[in-house]
Amino acid sequence: MKTVIWLLLTGGCLDRFEPDVGPPLRAICNNVDSDPATSVRFEAEIRAAIFERADLHCTRCHTAAGETPIGLDVGGLDLASYQTLLRGGVQSGADLVRPGDPCGSVLVLKLGVGPPFGARMPLDGPPHATARDIQIIADWISEGAHDN
């Protein structure tokens, strides 16, 4: 009862008692396509330009043909094709790519700072995916994650 009276007397607001934690470490995710006039193509701009890029070497670990396929063997994530990507991995499953919802897609989250589980990818980074790489993937997912 005393707590209820105290909350009523203070206006019910506890904001002044919250810790000062500083500014956010990263931008808030946005499900909106950053460039709606331009369609992102999976094969050219996601698989070939990001997943197969030498500095990120996603396909080295996440394809059967990769030189160290630990990401496929342990995590179950295969980036060899659109169809295998959409199956997701052991942890992510169908949430790896949620068409229309990049903020809820584990693929976007695992490439950024503070993934929901495990380590940020690539595991042996840096280098990591650039903000532009992540935005391209997020835009593709926002557009519906089409096989184009």
C-alpha atoms as a PDB file:
ATOM      1  CA  MET A   1       0.000   0.000   0.000  1.00  0.00           C
ATOM      2  CA  LYS A   2       2.838   2.415   0.870  1.00  0.00           C
ATOM      3  CA  THR A   3       4.346   1.782  -2.556  1.00  0.00           C
ATOM      4  CA  VAL A   4       1.086   2.666  -4.300  1.00  0.00           C
ATOM      5  CA  ILE A   5       0.764   5.915  -2.312  1.00  0.00           C
ATOM      6  CA  TRP A   6       4.408   6.773  -3.020  1.00  0.00           C
ATOM      7  CA  LEU A   7       3.906   6.154  -6.760  1.00  0.00           C
ATOM      8  CA  LEU A   8       0.808   8.368  -6.749  1.00  0.00           C
ATOM      9  CA  LEU A   9       2.634  11.161  -4.930  1.00  0.00           C
ATOM     10  CA  THR A  10       5.609  11.041  -7.318  1.00  0.00           C
ATOM     11  CA  GLY A  11       3.376  11.022 -10.377  1.00  0.00           C
ATOM     12  CA  GLY A  12       3.957   7.317 -10.978  1.00  0.00           C
ATOM     13  CA  CYS A  13       7.174   8.048 -12.803  1.00  0.00           C
ATOM     14  CA  LEU A  14      10.385   6.285 -11.898  1.00  0.00           C
ATOM     15  CA  ASP A  15      12.502   7.862 -14.651  1.00  0.00           C
ATOM     16  CA  ARG A  16      14.586   9.892 -12.239  1.00  0.00           C
ATOM     17  CA  PHE A  17      15.669   6.666 -10.538  1.00  0.00           C
ATOM     18  CA  GLU A  18      16.919   4.931 -13.695  1.00  0.00           C
ATOM     19  CA  PRO A  19      20.667   4.575 -14.108  1.00  0.00           C
ATOM     20  CA  ASP A  20      22.473   6.843 -16.525  1.00  0.00           C
ATOM     21  CA  VAL A  21      23.602   4.247 -19.058  1.00  0.00           C
ATOM     22  CA  GLY A  22      24.725   6.582 -21.819  1.00  0.00           C
ATOM     23  CA  PRO A  23      23.826   6.654 -25.497  1.00  0.00           C
ATOM     24  CA  PRO A  24      22.885   3.516 -27.467  1.00  0.00           C
ATOM     25  CA  LEU A  25      25.825   1.505 -28.789  1.00  0.00           C
ATOM     26  CA  ARG A  26      24.189   1.027 -32.171  1.00  0.00           C
ATOM     27  CA  ALA A  27      21.346   2.439 -34.204  1.00  0.00           C
ATOM     28  CA  ILE A  28      17.856   1.138 -33.640  1.00  0.00           C
ATOM     29  CA  CYS A  29      16.926  -1.350 -36.339  1.00  0.00           C
ATOM     30  CA  ASN A  30      14.500  -0.177 -38.998  1.00  0.00           C
ATOM     31  CA  ASN A  31      12.415  -2.560 -41.135  1.00  0.00           C
ATOM     32  CA  VAL A  32      11.998   0.032 -43.907  1.00  0.00           C
ATOM     33  CA  ASP A  33      13.928  -0.344 -47.172  1.00  0.00           C
ATOM     34  CA  SER A  34      16.579   2.415 -47.252  1.00  0.00           C
ATOM     35  CA  ASP A  35      16.288   2.760 -51.064  1.00  0.00           C
ATOM     36  CA  PRO A  36      12.831   1.635 -52.227  1.00  0.00           C
ATOM     37  CA  ALA A  37      13.537   2.735 -55.803  1.00  0.00           C
ATOM     38  CA  THR A  38      16.294   0.111 -56.147  1.00  0.00           C
ATOM     39  CA  SER A  39      15.688  -3.636 -55.819  1.00  0.00           C
ATOM     40  CA  VAL A  40      18.412  -5.724 -54.210  1.00  0.00           C
ATOM     41  CA  ARG A  41      19.200  -8.887 -56.190  1.00  0.00           C
ATOM     42  CA  PHE A  42      20.049 -11.947 -54.107  1.00  0.00           C
ATOM     43  CA  GLU A  43      22.428 -13.674 -56.502  1.00  0.00           C
ATOM     44  CA  ALA A  44      24.510 -10.618 -57.463  1.00  0.00           C
ATOM     45  CA  GLU A  45      24.363  -8.374 -54.415  1.00  0.00           C
ATOM     46  CA  ILE A  46      23.970 -10.796 -51.523  1.00  0.00           C
ATOM     47  CA  ARG A  47      25.481 -14.169 -52.422  1.00  0.00           C
ATOM     48  CA  ALA A  48      28.215 -13.082 -54.847  1.00  0.00           C
ATOM     49  CA  ALA A  49      29.082  -9.623 -53.492  1.00  0.00           C
ATOM     50  CA  ILE A  50      28.835 -10.289 -49.747  1.00  0.00           C
ATOM     51  CA  PHE A  51      28.773 -14.010 -48.893  1.00  0.00           C
ATOM     52  CA  GLU A  52      31.563 -14.866 -51.343  1.00  0.00           C
ATOM     53  CA  ARG A  53      33.694 -11.778 -50.731  1.00  0.00           C
ATOM     54  CA  ALA A  54      37.270 -12.703 -49.796  1.00  0.00           C
ATOM     55  CA  ASP A  55      37.510 -10.567 -46.649  1.00  0.00           C
ATOM     56  CA  LEU A  56      34.278 -11.977 -45.168  1.00  0.00           C
ATOM     57  CA  HIS A  57      34.682 -15.524 -46.529  1.00  0.00           C
ATOM     58  CA  CYS A  58      31.187 -16.578 -45.419  1.00  0.00           C
ATOM     59  CA  THR A  59      31.106 -19.430 -47.913  1.00  0.00           C
ATOM     60  CA  ARG A  60      34.433 -20.791 -46.646  1.00  0.00           C
ATOM     61  CA  CYS A  61      32.686 -21.926 -43.453  1.00  0.00           C
ATOM     62  CA  HIS A  62      29.034 -22.123 -44.523  1.00  0.00           C
ATOM     63  CA  THR A  63      29.111 -24.325 -47.655  1.00  0.00           C
ATOM     64  CA  ALA A  64      29.980 -27.972 -48.260  1.00  0.00           C
ATOM     65  CA  ALA A  65      32.610 -26.861 -50.793  1.00  0.00           C
ATOM     66  CA  GLY A  66      34.212 -24.438 -48.325  1.00  0.00           C
ATOM     67  CA  GLU A  67      37.765 -25.058 -47.161  1.00  0.00           C
ATOM     68  CA  THR A  68      36.729 -25.104 -43.466  1.00  0.00           C
ATOM     69  CA  PRO A  69      32.968 -25.880 -43.398  1.00  0.00           C
ATOM     70  CA  ILE A  70      32.601 -25.678 -39.622  1.00  0.00           C
ATOM     71  CA  GLY A  71      29.674 -23.264 -39.907  1.00  0.00           C
ATOM     72  CA  LEU A  72      27.835 -25.840 -41.978  1.00  0.00           C
ATOM     73  CA  ASP A  73      28.936 -28.862 -39.928  1.00  0.00           C
ATOM     74  CA  VAL A  74      28.259 -27.376 -36.480  1.00  0.00           C
ATOM     75  CA  GLY A  75      25.779 -24.569 -37.129  1.00  0.00           C
ATOM     76  CA  GLY A  76      23.913 -26.212 -39.994  1.00  0.00           C
ATOM     77  CA  LEU A  77      23.832 -22.991 -42.028  1.00  0.00           C
ATOM     78  CA  ASP A  78      24.446 -23.463 -45.750  1.00  0.00           C
ATOM     79  CA  LEU A  79      24.960 -20.282 -47.799  1.00  0.00           C
ATOM     80  CA  ALA A  80      25.459 -22.121 -51.101  1.00  0.00           C
ATOM     81  CA  SER A  81      22.065 -21.162 -52.525  1.00  0.00           C
ATOM     82  CA  TYR A  82      18.907 -19.219 -51.890  1.00  0.00           C
ATOM     83  CA  GLN A  83      17.015 -22.382 -50.913  1.00  0.00           C
ATOM     84  CA  THR A  84      19.621 -23.562 -48.399  1.00  0.00           C
ATOM     85  CA  LEU A  85      19.924 -20.062 -46.910  1.00  0.00           C
ATOM     86  CA  LEU A  86      16.187 -19.905 -46.217  1.00  0.00           C
ATOM     87  CA  ARG A  87      16.342 -23.190 -44.285  1.00  0.00           C
ATOM     88  CA  GLY A  88      18.515 -21.426 -41.722  1.00  0.00           C
ATOM     89  CA  GLY A  89      20.780 -23.108 -39.234  1.00  0.00           C
ATOM     90  CA  VAL A  90      20.485 -25.128 -36.044  1.00  0.00           C
ATOM     91  CA  GLN A  91      19.866 -22.050 -33.860  1.00  0.00           C
ATOM     92  CA  SER A  92      18.151 -19.714 -36.323  1.00  0.00           C
ATOM     93  CA  GLY A  93      15.882 -22.035 -38.299  1.00  0.00           C
ATOM     94  CA  ALA A  94      13.257 -20.147 -40.289  1.00  0.00           C
ATOM     95  CA  ASP A  95      14.082 -16.949 -38.375  1.00  0.00           C
ATOM     96  CA  LEU A  96      17.370 -16.583 -40.258  1.00  0.00           C
ATOM     97  CA  VAL A  97      15.539 -14.677 -42.981  1.00  0.00           C
ATOM     98  CA  ARG A  98      12.083 -13.348 -42.162  1.00  0.00           C
ATOM     99  CA  PRO A  99      10.848 -11.707 -45.389  1.00  0.00           C
ATOM    100  CA  GLY A 100       9.739  -8.139 -44.689  1.00  0.00           C
ATOM    101  CA  ASP A 101      11.309  -8.169 -41.216  1.00  0.00           C
ATOM    102  CA  PRO A 102      15.069  -7.515 -41.283  1.00  0.00           C
ATOM    103  CA  CYS A 103      15.051  -6.532 -37.599  1.00  0.00           C
ATOM    104  CA  GLY A 104      13.725  -9.974 -36.704  1.00  0.00           C
ATOM    105  CA  SER A 105      16.018 -11.807 -39.121  1.00  0.00           C
ATOM    106  CA  VAL A 106      18.910 -13.580 -37.443  1.00  0.00           C
ATOM    107  CA  LEU A 107      21.079 -13.054 -40.551  1.00  0.00           C
ATOM    108  CA  VAL A 108      21.090  -9.292 -39.986  1.00  0.00           C
ATOM    109  CA  LEU A 109      21.553  -9.679 -36.236  1.00  0.00           C
ATOM    110  CA  LYS A 110      24.487 -12.128 -36.503  1.00  0.00           C
ATOM    111  CA  LEU A 111      26.412  -9.739 -38.756  1.00  0.00           C
ATOM    112  CA  GLY A 112      25.979  -6.773 -36.433  1.00  0.00           C
ATOM    113  CA  VAL A 113      27.290  -5.933 -32.996  1.00  0.00           C
ATOM    114  CA  GLY A 114      25.724  -7.998 -30.200  1.00  0.00           C
ATOM    115  CA  PRO A 115      24.097 -10.968 -31.972  1.00  0.00           C
ATOM    116  CA  PRO A 116      21.206 -12.718 -30.180  1.00  0.00           C
ATOM    117  CA  PHE A 117      23.286 -15.876 -29.652  1.00  0.00           C
ATOM    118  CA  GLY A 118      26.826 -17.012 -30.335  1.00  0.00           C
ATOM    119  CA  ALA A 119      29.500 -14.795 -31.800  1.00  0.00           C
ATOM    120  CA  ARG A 120      29.328 -12.056 -34.394  1.00  0.00           C
ATOM    121  CA  MET A 121      30.078 -13.331 -37.867  1.00  0.00           C
ATOM    122  CA  PRO A 122      32.512 -13.894 -39.352  1.00  0.00           C
ATOM    123  CA  LEU A 123      33.806 -15.762 -36.342  1.00  0.00           C
ATOM    124  CA  ASP A 124      37.441 -14.876 -37.076  1.00  0.00           C
ATOM    125  CA  GLY A 125      36.730 -11.199 -37.802  1.00  0.00           C
ATOM    126  CA  PRO A 126      37.529  -8.416 -38.010  1.00  0.00           C
ATOM    127  CA  PRO A 127      37.009  -7.571 -40.686  1.00  0.00           C
ATOM    128  CA  HIS A 128      33.263  -7.847 -40.259  1.00  0.00           C
ATOM    129  CA  ALA A 129      30.481  -6.930 -42.635  1.00  0.00           C
ATOM    130  CA  THR A 130      30.332  -3.194 -43.147  1.00  0.00           C
ATOM    131  CA  ALA A 131      27.305  -1.126 -42.228  1.00  0.00           C
ATOM    132  CA  ARG A 132      26.625  -0.896 -45.973  1.00  0.00           C
ATOM    133  CA  ASP A 133      26.763  -4.719 -46.341  1.00  0.00           C
ATOM    134  CA  ILE A 134      24.294  -5.131 -43.495  1.00  0.00           C
ATOM    135  CA  GLN A 135      22.029  -2.442 -44.964  1.00  0.00           C
ATOM    136  CA  ILE A 136      21.997  -4.202 -48.359  1.00  0.00           C
ATOM    137  CA  ILE A 137      20.986  -7.464 -46.685  1.00  0.00           C
ATOM    138  CA  ALA A 138      18.377  -5.654 -44.575  1.00  0.00           C
ATOM    139  CA  ASP A 139      16.982  -3.943 -47.691  1.00  0.00           C
ATOM    140  CA  TRP A 140      16.771  -7.282 -49.522  1.00  0.00           C
ATOM    141  CA  ILE A 141      14.862  -8.788 -46.588  1.00  0.00           C
ATOM    142  CA  SER A 142      12.671  -5.694 -46.304  1.00  0.00           C
ATOM    143  CA  GLU A 143      11.797  -6.081 -49.989  1.00  0.00           C
ATOM    144  CA  GLY A 144      10.573  -9.622 -49.326  1.00  0.00           C
ATOM    145  CA  ALA A 145      13.846 -11.607 -49.611  1.00  0.00           C
ATOM    146  CA  HIS A 146      13.148 -12.687 -53.181  1.00  0.00           C
ATOM    147  CA  ASP A 147      15.173 -15.220 -55.168  1.00  0.00           C
ATOM    148  CA  ASN A 148      16.258 -12.802 -57.878  1.00  0.00           C
END
